[in-house]
Amino acid sequence: MAKLGLLARIEAKPEYADKVEALLRDALELARAEEHTVTWFSFRQGPTTFGVFDTFEDEEGRQGHLRGAIAAALMDAAGTMLAEAPDIRPVDLLAVKLP
């Protein structure tokens, strides 16, 4: 059961919003390959605002994800496609409903 999570807010530069959306869509395959990522969601909140929410069973899994390919891709994009560095916050899950 997932107990920990990460919530990331990502603000794209307007001219790169479509590329950031594509990056987050394509990141699904990377998330599927991560053994310790229980769930992974990317979403769009507005024209240039995106987010990622993912869950983990333990701190080791969460830290591994932060050192993984998705985080690296976001940091690579930060210099050109993002208006600011991603705001990534750890969360503790209180209750979970999964299918």
PDB file of N, CA and C in Angstrom:
ATOM      1  N   MET A   1       0.846  -1.187   0.000  1.00  0.00           N
ATOM      2  CA  MET A   1       0.000   0.000   0.000  1.00  0.00           C
ATOM      3  C   MET A   1       0.885   1.241   0.000  1.00  0.00           C
ATOM      4  N   ALA A   2       0.551   2.175  -0.844  1.00  0.00           N
ATOM      5  CA  ALA A   2       1.300   3.429  -0.930  1.00  0.00           C
ATOM      6  C   ALA A   2       1.061   4.253   0.330  1.00  0.00           C
ATOM      7  N   LYS A   3       2.141   4.783   0.876  1.00  0.00           N
ATOM      8  CA  LYS A   3       2.074   5.592   2.083  1.00  0.00           C
ATOM      9  C   LYS A   3       2.615   6.994   1.886  1.00  0.00           C
ATOM     10  N   LEU A   4       3.441   7.173   0.854  1.00  0.00           N
ATOM     11  CA  LEU A   4       4.101   8.445   0.611  1.00  0.00           C
ATOM     12  C   LEU A   4       3.841   8.915  -0.810  1.00  0.00           C
ATOM     13  N   GLY A   5       3.993  10.213  -1.029  1.00  0.00           N
ATOM     14  CA  GLY A   5       3.787  10.739  -2.367  1.00  0.00           C
ATOM     15  C   GLY A   5       4.641  11.948  -2.645  1.00  0.00           C
ATOM     16  N   LEU A   6       4.556  12.397  -3.866  1.00  0.00           N
ATOM     17  CA  LEU A   6       5.158  13.649  -4.306  1.00  0.00           C
ATOM     18  C   LEU A   6       4.106  14.400  -5.109  1.00  0.00           C
ATOM     19  N   LEU A   7       4.017  15.689  -4.868  1.00  0.00           N
ATOM     20  CA  LEU A   7       3.123  16.553  -5.636  1.00  0.00           C
ATOM     21  C   LEU A   7       3.979  17.644  -6.256  1.00  0.00           C
ATOM     22  N   ALA A   8       3.985  17.698  -7.569  1.00  0.00           N
ATOM     23  CA  ALA A   8       4.816  18.674  -8.284  1.00  0.00           C
ATOM     24  C   ALA A   8       3.936  19.624  -9.074  1.00  0.00           C
ATOM     25  N   ARG A   9       4.263  20.908  -8.984  1.00  0.00           N
ATOM     26  CA  ARG A   9       3.614  21.939  -9.798  1.00  0.00           C
ATOM     27  C   ARG A   9       4.642  22.411 -10.804  1.00  0.00           C
ATOM     28  N   ILE A  10       4.237  22.457 -12.073  1.00  0.00           N
ATOM     29  CA  ILE A  10       5.143  22.783 -13.169  1.00  0.00           C
ATOM     30  C   ILE A  10       4.526  23.908 -13.981  1.00  0.00           C
ATOM     31  N   GLU A  11       5.247  25.006 -14.084  1.00  0.00           N
ATOM     32  CA  GLU A  11       4.755  26.168 -14.838  1.00  0.00           C
ATOM     33  C   GLU A  11       5.599  26.321 -16.101  1.00  0.00           C
ATOM     34  N   ALA A  12       4.952  26.134 -17.247  1.00  0.00           N
ATOM     35  CA  ALA A  12       5.645  26.234 -18.537  1.00  0.00           C
ATOM     36  C   ALA A  12       5.634  27.666 -19.039  1.00  0.00           C
ATOM     37  N   LYS A  13       6.658  28.010 -19.804  1.00  0.00           N
ATOM     38  CA  LYS A  13       6.609  29.256 -20.558  1.00  0.00           C
ATOM     39  C   LYS A  13       5.527  29.074 -21.617  1.00  0.00           C
ATOM     40  N   PRO A  14       4.721  30.116 -21.879  1.00  0.00           N
ATOM     41  CA  PRO A  14       3.593  29.944 -22.811  1.00  0.00           C
ATOM     42  C   PRO A  14       3.973  29.314 -24.147  1.00  0.00           C
ATOM     43  N   GLU A  15       5.101  29.690 -24.693  1.00  0.00           N
ATOM     44  CA  GLU A  15       5.484  29.171 -26.012  1.00  0.00           C
ATOM     45  C   GLU A  15       5.921  27.711 -25.972  1.00  0.00           C
ATOM     46  N   TYR A  16       6.114  27.154 -24.770  1.00  0.00           N
ATOM     47  CA  TYR A  16       6.538  25.757 -24.626  1.00  0.00           C
ATOM     48  C   TYR A  16       5.477  24.862 -23.988  1.00  0.00           C
ATOM     49  N   ALA A  17       4.285  25.377 -23.777  1.00  0.00           N
ATOM     50  CA  ALA A  17       3.251  24.602 -23.082  1.00  0.00           C
ATOM     51  C   ALA A  17       2.971  23.267 -23.778  1.00  0.00           C
ATOM     52  N   ASP A  18       2.884  23.267 -25.089  1.00  0.00           N
ATOM     53  CA  ASP A  18       2.598  22.015 -25.807  1.00  0.00           C
ATOM     54  C   ASP A  18       3.741  21.017 -25.653  1.00  0.00           C
ATOM     55  N   LYS A  19       4.975  21.510 -25.640  1.00  0.00           N
ATOM     56  CA  LYS A  19       6.123  20.619 -25.470  1.00  0.00           C
ATOM     57  C   LYS A  19       6.181  20.049 -24.058  1.00  0.00           C
ATOM     58  N   VAL A  20       5.823  20.842 -23.065  1.00  0.00           N
ATOM     59  CA  VAL A  20       5.787  20.339 -21.687  1.00  0.00           C
ATOM     60  C   VAL A  20       4.687  19.284 -21.561  1.00  0.00           C
ATOM     61  N   GLU A  21       3.538  19.531 -22.179  1.00  0.00           N
ATOM     62  CA  GLU A  21       2.473  18.526 -22.167  1.00  0.00           C
ATOM     63  C   GLU A  21       2.964  17.218 -22.782  1.00  0.00           C
ATOM     64  N   ALA A  22       3.640  17.297 -23.913  1.00  0.00           N
ATOM     65  CA  ALA A  22       4.158  16.088 -24.566  1.00  0.00           C
ATOM     66  C   ALA A  22       5.188  15.388 -23.689  1.00  0.00           C
ATOM     67  N   LEU A  23       6.042  16.154 -23.036  1.00  0.00           N
ATOM     68  CA  LEU A  23       7.041  15.573 -22.139  1.00  0.00           C
ATOM     69  C   LEU A  23       6.364  14.779 -21.018  1.00  0.00           C
ATOM     70  N   LEU A  24       5.307  15.354 -20.453  1.00  0.00           N
ATOM     71  CA  LEU A  24       4.607  14.676 -19.360  1.00  0.00           C
ATOM     72  C   LEU A  24       3.813  13.464 -19.851  1.00  0.00           C
ATOM     73  N   ARG A  25       3.264  13.539 -21.033  1.00  0.00           N
ATOM     74  CA  ARG A  25       2.580  12.362 -21.596  1.00  0.00           C
ATOM     75  C   ARG A  25       3.579  11.233 -21.843  1.00  0.00           C
ATOM     76  N   ASP A  26       4.720  11.579 -22.420  1.00  0.00           N
ATOM     77  CA  ASP A  26       5.739  10.577 -22.733  1.00  0.00           C
ATOM     78  C   ASP A  26       6.383   9.999 -21.475  1.00  0.00           C
ATOM     79  N   ALA A  27       6.362  10.747 -20.380  1.00  0.00           N
ATOM     80  CA  ALA A  27       6.973  10.281 -19.127  1.00  0.00           C
ATOM     81  C   ALA A  27       6.231   9.084 -18.536  1.00  0.00           C
ATOM     82  N   LEU A  28       5.029   8.808 -18.996  1.00  0.00           N
ATOM     83  CA  LEU A  28       4.278   7.657 -18.490  1.00  0.00           C
ATOM     84  C   LEU A  28       5.075   6.366 -18.650  1.00  0.00           C
ATOM     85  N   GLU A  29       5.708   6.191 -19.781  1.00  0.00           N
ATOM     86  CA  GLU A  29       6.495   4.965 -19.995  1.00  0.00           C
ATOM     87  C   GLU A  29       7.660   4.877 -19.008  1.00  0.00           C
ATOM     88  N   LEU A  30       8.270   6.006 -18.695  1.00  0.00           N
ATOM     89  CA  LEU A  30       9.344   6.013 -17.705  1.00  0.00           C
ATOM     90  C   LEU A  30       8.799   5.641 -16.326  1.00  0.00           C
ATOM     91  N   ALA A  31       7.625   6.165 -15.983  1.00  0.00           N
ATOM     92  CA  ALA A  31       7.010   5.847 -14.691  1.00  0.00           C
ATOM     93  C   ALA A  31       6.667   4.358 -14.602  1.00  0.00           C
ATOM     94  N   ARG A  32       6.178   3.799 -15.693  1.00  0.00           N
ATOM     95  CA  ARG A  32       5.849   2.362 -15.701  1.00  0.00           C
ATOM     96  C   ARG A  32       7.081   1.503 -15.455  1.00  0.00           C
ATOM     97  N   ALA A  33       8.235   1.993 -15.857  1.00  0.00           N
ATOM     98  CA  ALA A  33       9.475   1.235 -15.689  1.00  0.00           C
ATOM     99  C   ALA A  33      10.056   1.348 -14.277  1.00  0.00           C
ATOM    100  N   GLU A  34       9.550   2.275 -13.488  1.00  0.00           N
ATOM    101  CA  GLU A  34      10.061   2.454 -12.133  1.00  0.00           C
ATOM    102  C   GLU A  34       9.421   1.426 -11.198  1.00  0.00           C
ATOM    103  N   GLU A  35      10.221   0.547 -10.693  1.00  0.00           N
ATOM    104  CA  GLU A  35       9.733  -0.548  -9.857  1.00  0.00           C
ATOM    105  C   GLU A  35       9.033  -0.071  -8.585  1.00  0.00           C
ATOM    106  N   HIS A  36       9.489   1.029  -7.995  1.00  0.00           N
ATOM    107  CA  HIS A  36       8.968   1.457  -6.693  1.00  0.00           C
ATOM    108  C   HIS A  36       7.924   2.561  -6.775  1.00  0.00           C
ATOM    109  N   THR A  37       7.549   2.971  -7.983  1.00  0.00           N
ATOM    110  CA  THR A  37       6.474   3.953  -8.134  1.00  0.00           C
ATOM    111  C   THR A  37       5.159   3.177  -8.208  1.00  0.00           C
ATOM    112  N   VAL A  38       4.295   3.398  -7.203  1.00  0.00           N
ATOM    113  CA  VAL A  38       3.028   2.663  -7.134  1.00  0.00           C
ATOM    114  C   VAL A  38       2.020   3.247  -8.122  1.00  0.00           C
ATOM    115  N   THR A  39       1.790   4.556  -8.056  1.00  0.00           N
ATOM    116  CA  THR A  39       0.895   5.231  -8.996  1.00  0.00           C
ATOM    117  C   THR A  39       1.586   6.492  -9.494  1.00  0.00           C
ATOM    118  N   TRP A  40       1.214   6.918 -10.688  1.00  0.00           N
ATOM    119  CA  TRP A  40       1.811   8.113 -11.286  1.00  0.00           C
ATOM    120  C   TRP A  40       0.760   8.792 -12.142  1.00  0.00           C
ATOM    121  N   PHE A  41       0.569  10.084 -11.916  1.00  0.00           N
ATOM    122  CA  PHE A  41      -0.406  10.867 -12.662  1.00  0.00           C
ATOM    123  C   PHE A  41       0.261  12.160 -13.132  1.00  0.00           C
ATOM    124  N   SER A  42       0.037  12.537 -14.368  1.00  0.00           N
ATOM    125  CA  SER A  42       0.396  13.882 -14.809  1.00  0.00           C
ATOM    126  C   SER A  42      -0.908  14.559 -15.230  1.00  0.00           C
ATOM    127  N   PHE A  43      -0.953  15.877 -15.045  1.00  0.00           N
ATOM    128  CA  PHE A  43      -2.203  16.588 -15.325  1.00  0.00           C
ATOM    129  C   PHE A  43      -1.910  18.025 -15.733  1.00  0.00           C
ATOM    130  N   ARG A  44      -2.936  18.640 -16.299  1.00  0.00           N
ATOM    131  CA  ARG A  44      -2.866  20.044 -16.701  1.00  0.00           C
ATOM    132  C   ARG A  44      -3.924  20.803 -15.919  1.00  0.00           C
ATOM    133  N   GLN A  45      -3.527  21.938 -15.343  1.00  0.00           N
ATOM    134  CA  GLN A  45      -4.460  22.754 -14.565  1.00  0.00           C
ATOM    135  C   GLN A  45      -4.889  24.018 -15.294  1.00  0.00           C
ATOM    136  N   GLY A  46      -4.184  24.401 -16.307  1.00  0.00           N
ATOM    137  CA  GLY A  46      -4.497  25.621 -17.045  1.00  0.00           C
ATOM    138  C   GLY A  46      -3.639  25.686 -18.289  1.00  0.00           C
ATOM    139  N   PRO A  47      -3.648  26.810 -18.973  1.00  0.00           N
ATOM    140  CA  PRO A  47      -2.906  26.926 -20.230  1.00  0.00           C
ATOM    141  C   PRO A  47      -1.418  26.608 -20.092  1.00  0.00           C
ATOM    142  N   THR A  48      -0.803  26.990 -18.969  1.00  0.00           N
ATOM    143  CA  THR A  48       0.638  26.775 -18.806  1.00  0.00           C
ATOM    144  C   THR A  48       0.995  26.068 -17.506  1.00  0.00           C
ATOM    145  N   THR A  49      -0.010  25.648 -16.754  1.00  0.00           N
ATOM    146  CA  THR A  49       0.234  25.028 -15.451  1.00  0.00           C
ATOM    147  C   THR A  49      -0.039  23.533 -15.514  1.00  0.00           C
ATOM    148  N   PHE A  50       0.967  22.755 -15.107  1.00  0.00           N
ATOM    149  CA  PHE A  50       0.890  21.298 -15.133  1.00  0.00           C
ATOM    150  C   PHE A  50       1.254  20.761 -13.759  1.00  0.00           C
ATOM    151  N   GLY A  51       1.035  19.472 -13.584  1.00  0.00           N
ATOM    152  CA  GLY A  51       1.428  18.856 -12.332  1.00  0.00           C
ATOM    153  C   GLY A  51       1.659  17.373 -12.491  1.00  0.00           C
ATOM    154  N   VAL A  52       2.305  16.828 -11.473  1.00  0.00           N
ATOM    155  CA  VAL A  52       2.534  15.392 -11.374  1.00  0.00           C
ATOM    156  C   VAL A  52       2.253  14.997  -9.928  1.00  0.00           C
ATOM    157  N   PHE A  53       1.546  13.883  -9.769  1.00  0.00           N
ATOM    158  CA  PHE A  53       1.335  13.300  -8.449  1.00  0.00           C
ATOM    159  C   PHE A  53       1.695  11.826  -8.556  1.00  0.00           C
ATOM    160  N   ASP A  54       2.547  11.371  -7.659  1.00  0.00           N
ATOM    161  CA  ASP A  54       2.928   9.965  -7.671  1.00  0.00           C
ATOM    162  C   ASP A  54       3.038   9.448  -6.249  1.00  0.00           C
ATOM    163  N   THR A  55       2.944   8.122  -6.112  1.00  0.00           N
ATOM    164  CA  THR A  55       2.939   7.514  -4.783  1.00  0.00           C
ATOM    165  C   THR A  55       3.956   6.387  -4.689  1.00  0.00           C
ATOM    166  N   PHE A  56       4.354   6.131  -3.427  1.00  0.00           N
ATOM    167  CA  PHE A  56       5.411   5.163  -3.146  1.00  0.00           C
ATOM    168  C   PHE A  56       5.105   4.453  -1.831  1.00  0.00           C
ATOM    169  N   GLU A  57       5.631   3.255  -1.684  1.00  0.00           N
ATOM    170  CA  GLU A  57       5.442   2.501  -0.448  1.00  0.00           C
ATOM    171  C   GLU A  57       6.374   2.957   0.657  1.00  0.00           C
ATOM    172  N   ASP A  58       7.541   3.493   0.279  1.00  0.00           N
ATOM    173  CA  ASP A  58       8.508   3.872   1.308  1.00  0.00           C
ATOM    174  C   ASP A  58       9.391   5.019   0.816  1.00  0.00           C
ATOM    175  N   GLU A  59      10.181   5.551   1.734  1.00  0.00           N
ATOM    176  CA  GLU A  59      11.048   6.691   1.416  1.00  0.00           C
ATOM    177  C   GLU A  59      12.108   6.326   0.379  1.00  0.00           C
ATOM    178  N   GLU A  60      12.571   5.098   0.408  1.00  0.00           N
ATOM    179  CA  GLU A  60      13.563   4.652  -0.575  1.00  0.00           C
ATOM    180  C   GLU A  60      13.007   4.780  -1.994  1.00  0.00           C
ATOM    181  N   GLY A  61      11.753   4.369  -2.183  1.00  0.00           N
ATOM    182  CA  GLY A  61      11.119   4.485  -3.492  1.00  0.00           C
ATOM    183  C   GLY A  61      10.938   5.929  -3.916  1.00  0.00           C
ATOM    184  N   ARG A  62      10.543   6.765  -2.962  1.00  0.00           N
ATOM    185  CA  ARG A  62      10.344   8.187  -3.270  1.00  0.00           C
ATOM    186  C   ARG A  62      11.666   8.842  -3.663  1.00  0.00           C
ATOM    187  N   GLN A  63      12.715   8.567  -2.905  1.00  0.00           N
ATOM    188  CA  GLN A  63      14.018   9.158  -3.217  1.00  0.00           C
ATOM    189  C   GLN A  63      14.568   8.624  -4.542  1.00  0.00           C
ATOM    190  N   GLY A  64      14.340   7.342  -4.810  1.00  0.00           N
ATOM    191  CA  GLY A  64      14.763   6.776  -6.081  1.00  0.00           C
ATOM    192  C   GLY A  64      14.089   7.463  -7.257  1.00  0.00           C
ATOM    193  N   HIS A  65      12.822   7.770  -7.102  1.00  0.00           N
ATOM    194  CA  HIS A  65      12.084   8.473  -8.152  1.00  0.00           C
ATOM    195  C   HIS A  65      12.671   9.869  -8.374  1.00  0.00           C
ATOM    196  N   LEU A  66      13.003  10.554  -7.286  1.00  0.00           N
ATOM    197  CA  LEU A  66      13.578  11.895  -7.396  1.00  0.00           C
ATOM    198  C   LEU A  66      14.942  11.887  -8.096  1.00  0.00           C
ATOM    199  N   ARG A  67      15.613  10.763  -8.067  1.00  0.00           N
ATOM    200  CA  ARG A  67      16.902  10.625  -8.750  1.00  0.00           C
ATOM    201  C   ARG A  67      16.744  10.001 -10.141  1.00  0.00           C
ATOM    202  N   GLY A  68      15.519   9.739 -10.549  1.00  0.00           N
ATOM    203  CA  GLY A  68      15.269   8.995 -11.779  1.00  0.00           C
ATOM    204  C   GLY A  68      15.143   9.835 -13.036  1.00  0.00           C
ATOM    205  N   ALA A  69      14.737   9.171 -14.095  1.00  0.00           N
ATOM    206  CA  ALA A  69      14.696   9.757 -15.439  1.00  0.00           C
ATOM    207  C   ALA A  69      13.655  10.866 -15.578  1.00  0.00           C
ATOM    208  N   ILE A  70      12.512  10.752 -14.918  1.00  0.00           N
ATOM    209  CA  ILE A  70      11.479  11.782 -15.051  1.00  0.00           C
ATOM    210  C   ILE A  70      11.952  13.087 -14.419  1.00  0.00           C
ATOM    211  N   ALA A  71      12.492  13.004 -13.219  1.00  0.00           N
ATOM    212  CA  ALA A  71      13.010  14.207 -12.558  1.00  0.00           C
ATOM    213  C   ALA A  71      14.141  14.828 -13.380  1.00  0.00           C
ATOM    214  N   ALA A  72      14.993  14.001 -13.944  1.00  0.00           N
ATOM    215  CA  ALA A  72      16.093  14.508 -14.767  1.00  0.00           C
ATOM    216  C   ALA A  72      15.556  15.233 -16.002  1.00  0.00           C
ATOM    217  N   ALA A  73      14.523  14.688 -16.623  1.00  0.00           N
ATOM    218  CA  ALA A  73      13.933  15.331 -17.804  1.00  0.00           C
ATOM    219  C   ALA A  73      13.323  16.680 -17.438  1.00  0.00           C
ATOM    220  N   LEU A  74      12.661  16.756 -16.281  1.00  0.00           N
ATOM    221  CA  LEU A  74      12.087  18.032 -15.845  1.00  0.00           C
ATOM    222  C   LEU A  74      13.179  19.059 -15.576  1.00  0.00           C
ATOM    223  N   MET A  75      14.243  18.645 -14.943  1.00  0.00           N
ATOM    224  CA  MET A  75      15.325  19.577 -14.648  1.00  0.00           C
ATOM    225  C   MET A  75      16.022  20.028 -15.934  1.00  0.00           C
ATOM    226  N   ASP A  76      16.131  19.138 -16.920  1.00  0.00           N
ATOM    227  CA  ASP A  76      16.697  19.521 -18.215  1.00  0.00           C
ATOM    228  C   ASP A  76      15.810  20.554 -18.908  1.00  0.00           C
ATOM    229  N   ALA A  77      14.491  20.390 -18.772  1.00  0.00           N
ATOM    230  CA  ALA A  77      13.540  21.304 -19.399  1.00  0.00           C
ATOM    231  C   ALA A  77      13.465  22.644 -18.673  1.00  0.00           C
ATOM    232  N   ALA A  78      13.828  22.661 -17.406  1.00  0.00           N
ATOM    233  CA  ALA A  78      13.644  23.856 -16.577  1.00  0.00           C
ATOM    234  C   ALA A  78      14.311  25.086 -17.175  1.00  0.00           C
ATOM    235  N   GLY A  79      15.487  24.930 -17.730  1.00  0.00           N
ATOM    236  CA  GLY A  79      16.212  26.082 -18.241  1.00  0.00           C
ATOM    237  C   GLY A  79      15.581  26.748 -19.441  1.00  0.00           C
ATOM    238  N   THR A  80      14.891  25.978 -20.258  1.00  0.00           N
ATOM    239  CA  THR A  80      14.346  26.556 -21.487  1.00  0.00           C
ATOM    240  C   THR A  80      12.819  26.571 -21.526  1.00  0.00           C
ATOM    241  N   MET A  81      12.174  25.492 -21.126  1.00  0.00           N
ATOM    242  CA  MET A  81      10.725  25.371 -21.313  1.00  0.00           C
ATOM    243  C   MET A  81       9.890  25.804 -20.116  1.00  0.00           C
ATOM    244  N   LEU A  82      10.491  25.893 -18.941  1.00  0.00           N
ATOM    245  CA  LEU A  82       9.716  26.212 -17.742  1.00  0.00           C
ATOM    246  C   LEU A  82       9.941  27.651 -17.301  1.00  0.00           C
ATOM    247  N   ALA A  83       8.883  28.248 -16.764  1.00  0.00           N
ATOM    248  CA  ALA A  83       8.959  29.619 -16.271  1.00  0.00           C
ATOM    249  C   ALA A  83       9.750  29.700 -14.968  1.00  0.00           C
ATOM    250  N   GLU A  84       9.804  28.584 -14.250  1.00  0.00           N
ATOM    251  CA  GLU A  84      10.526  28.502 -12.981  1.00  0.00           C
ATOM    252  C   GLU A  84      10.817  27.036 -12.704  1.00  0.00           C
ATOM    253  N   ALA A  85      11.671  26.779 -11.747  1.00  0.00           N
ATOM    254  CA  ALA A  85      11.968  25.389 -11.392  1.00  0.00           C
ATOM    255  C   ALA A  85      10.699  24.708 -10.886  1.00  0.00           C
ATOM    256  N   PRO A  86      10.521  23.414 -11.161  1.00  0.00           N
ATOM    257  CA  PRO A  86       9.348  22.707 -10.653  1.00  0.00           C
ATOM    258  C   PRO A  86       9.284  22.785  -9.130  1.00  0.00           C
ATOM    259  N   ASP A  87       8.089  22.965  -8.601  1.00  0.00           N
ATOM    260  CA  ASP A  87       7.854  22.988  -7.156  1.00  0.00           C
ATOM    261  C   ASP A  87       7.436  21.571  -6.761  1.00  0.00           C
ATOM    262  N   ILE A  88       8.366  20.810  -6.205  1.00  0.00           N
ATOM    263  CA  ILE A  88       8.129  19.402  -5.878  1.00  0.00           C
ATOM    264  C   ILE A  88       8.075  19.260  -4.367  1.00  0.00           C
ATOM    265  N   ARG A  89       6.939  18.776  -3.863  1.00  0.00           N
ATOM    266  CA  ARG A  89       6.737  18.672  -2.424  1.00  0.00           C
ATOM    267  C   ARG A  89       6.398  17.240  -2.010  1.00  0.00           C
ATOM    268  N   PRO A  90       7.055  16.754  -0.966  1.00  0.00           N
ATOM    269  CA  PRO A  90       6.706  15.433  -0.439  1.00  0.00           C
ATOM    270  C   PRO A  90       5.391  15.522   0.331  1.00  0.00           C
ATOM    271  N   VAL A  91       4.606  14.453   0.257  1.00  0.00           N
ATOM    272  CA  VAL A  91       3.356  14.370   1.020  1.00  0.00           C
ATOM    273  C   VAL A  91       3.266  12.994   1.673  1.00  0.00           C
ATOM    274  N   ASP A  92       2.589  12.942   2.796  1.00  0.00           N
ATOM    275  CA  ASP A  92       2.261  11.683   3.464  1.00  0.00           C
ATOM    276  C   ASP A  92       0.803  11.391   3.173  1.00  0.00           C
ATOM    277  N   LEU A  93       0.517  10.194   2.696  1.00  0.00           N
ATOM    278  CA  LEU A  93      -0.857   9.834   2.357  1.00  0.00           C
ATOM    279  C   LEU A  93      -1.622   9.442   3.605  1.00  0.00           C
ATOM    280  N   LEU A  94      -2.819   9.981   3.752  1.00  0.00           N
ATOM    281  CA  LEU A  94      -3.672   9.685   4.902  1.00  0.00           C
ATOM    282  C   LEU A  94      -4.649   8.555   4.597  1.00  0.00           C
ATOM    283  N   ALA A  95      -5.163   8.526   3.380  1.00  0.00           N
ATOM    284  CA  ALA A  95      -6.110   7.498   2.962  1.00  0.00           C
ATOM    285  C   ALA A  95      -5.973   7.329   1.452  1.00  0.00           C
ATOM    286  N   VAL A  96      -6.191   6.119   0.976  1.00  0.00           N
ATOM    287  CA  VAL A  96      -6.010   5.821  -0.442  1.00  0.00           C
ATOM    288  C   VAL A  96      -7.166   4.952  -0.918  1.00  0.00           C
ATOM    289  N   LYS A  97      -7.739   5.278  -2.067  1.00  0.00           N
ATOM    290  CA  LYS A  97      -8.726   4.416  -2.722  1.00  0.00           C
ATOM    291  C   LYS A  97      -8.193   4.121  -4.109  1.00  0.00           C
ATOM    292  N   LEU A  98      -7.964   2.881  -4.381  1.00  0.00           N
ATOM    293  CA  LEU A  98      -7.508   2.432  -5.689  1.00  0.00           C
ATOM    294  C   LEU A  98      -8.526   1.435  -6.243  1.00  0.00           C
ATOM    295  N   PRO A  99      -8.573   1.273  -7.565  1.00  0.00           N
ATOM    296  CA  PRO A  99      -9.523   0.302  -8.134  1.00  0.00           C
ATOM    297  C   PRO A  99      -9.193  -1.122  -7.716  1.00  0.00           C
TER     298      PRO A  99
END
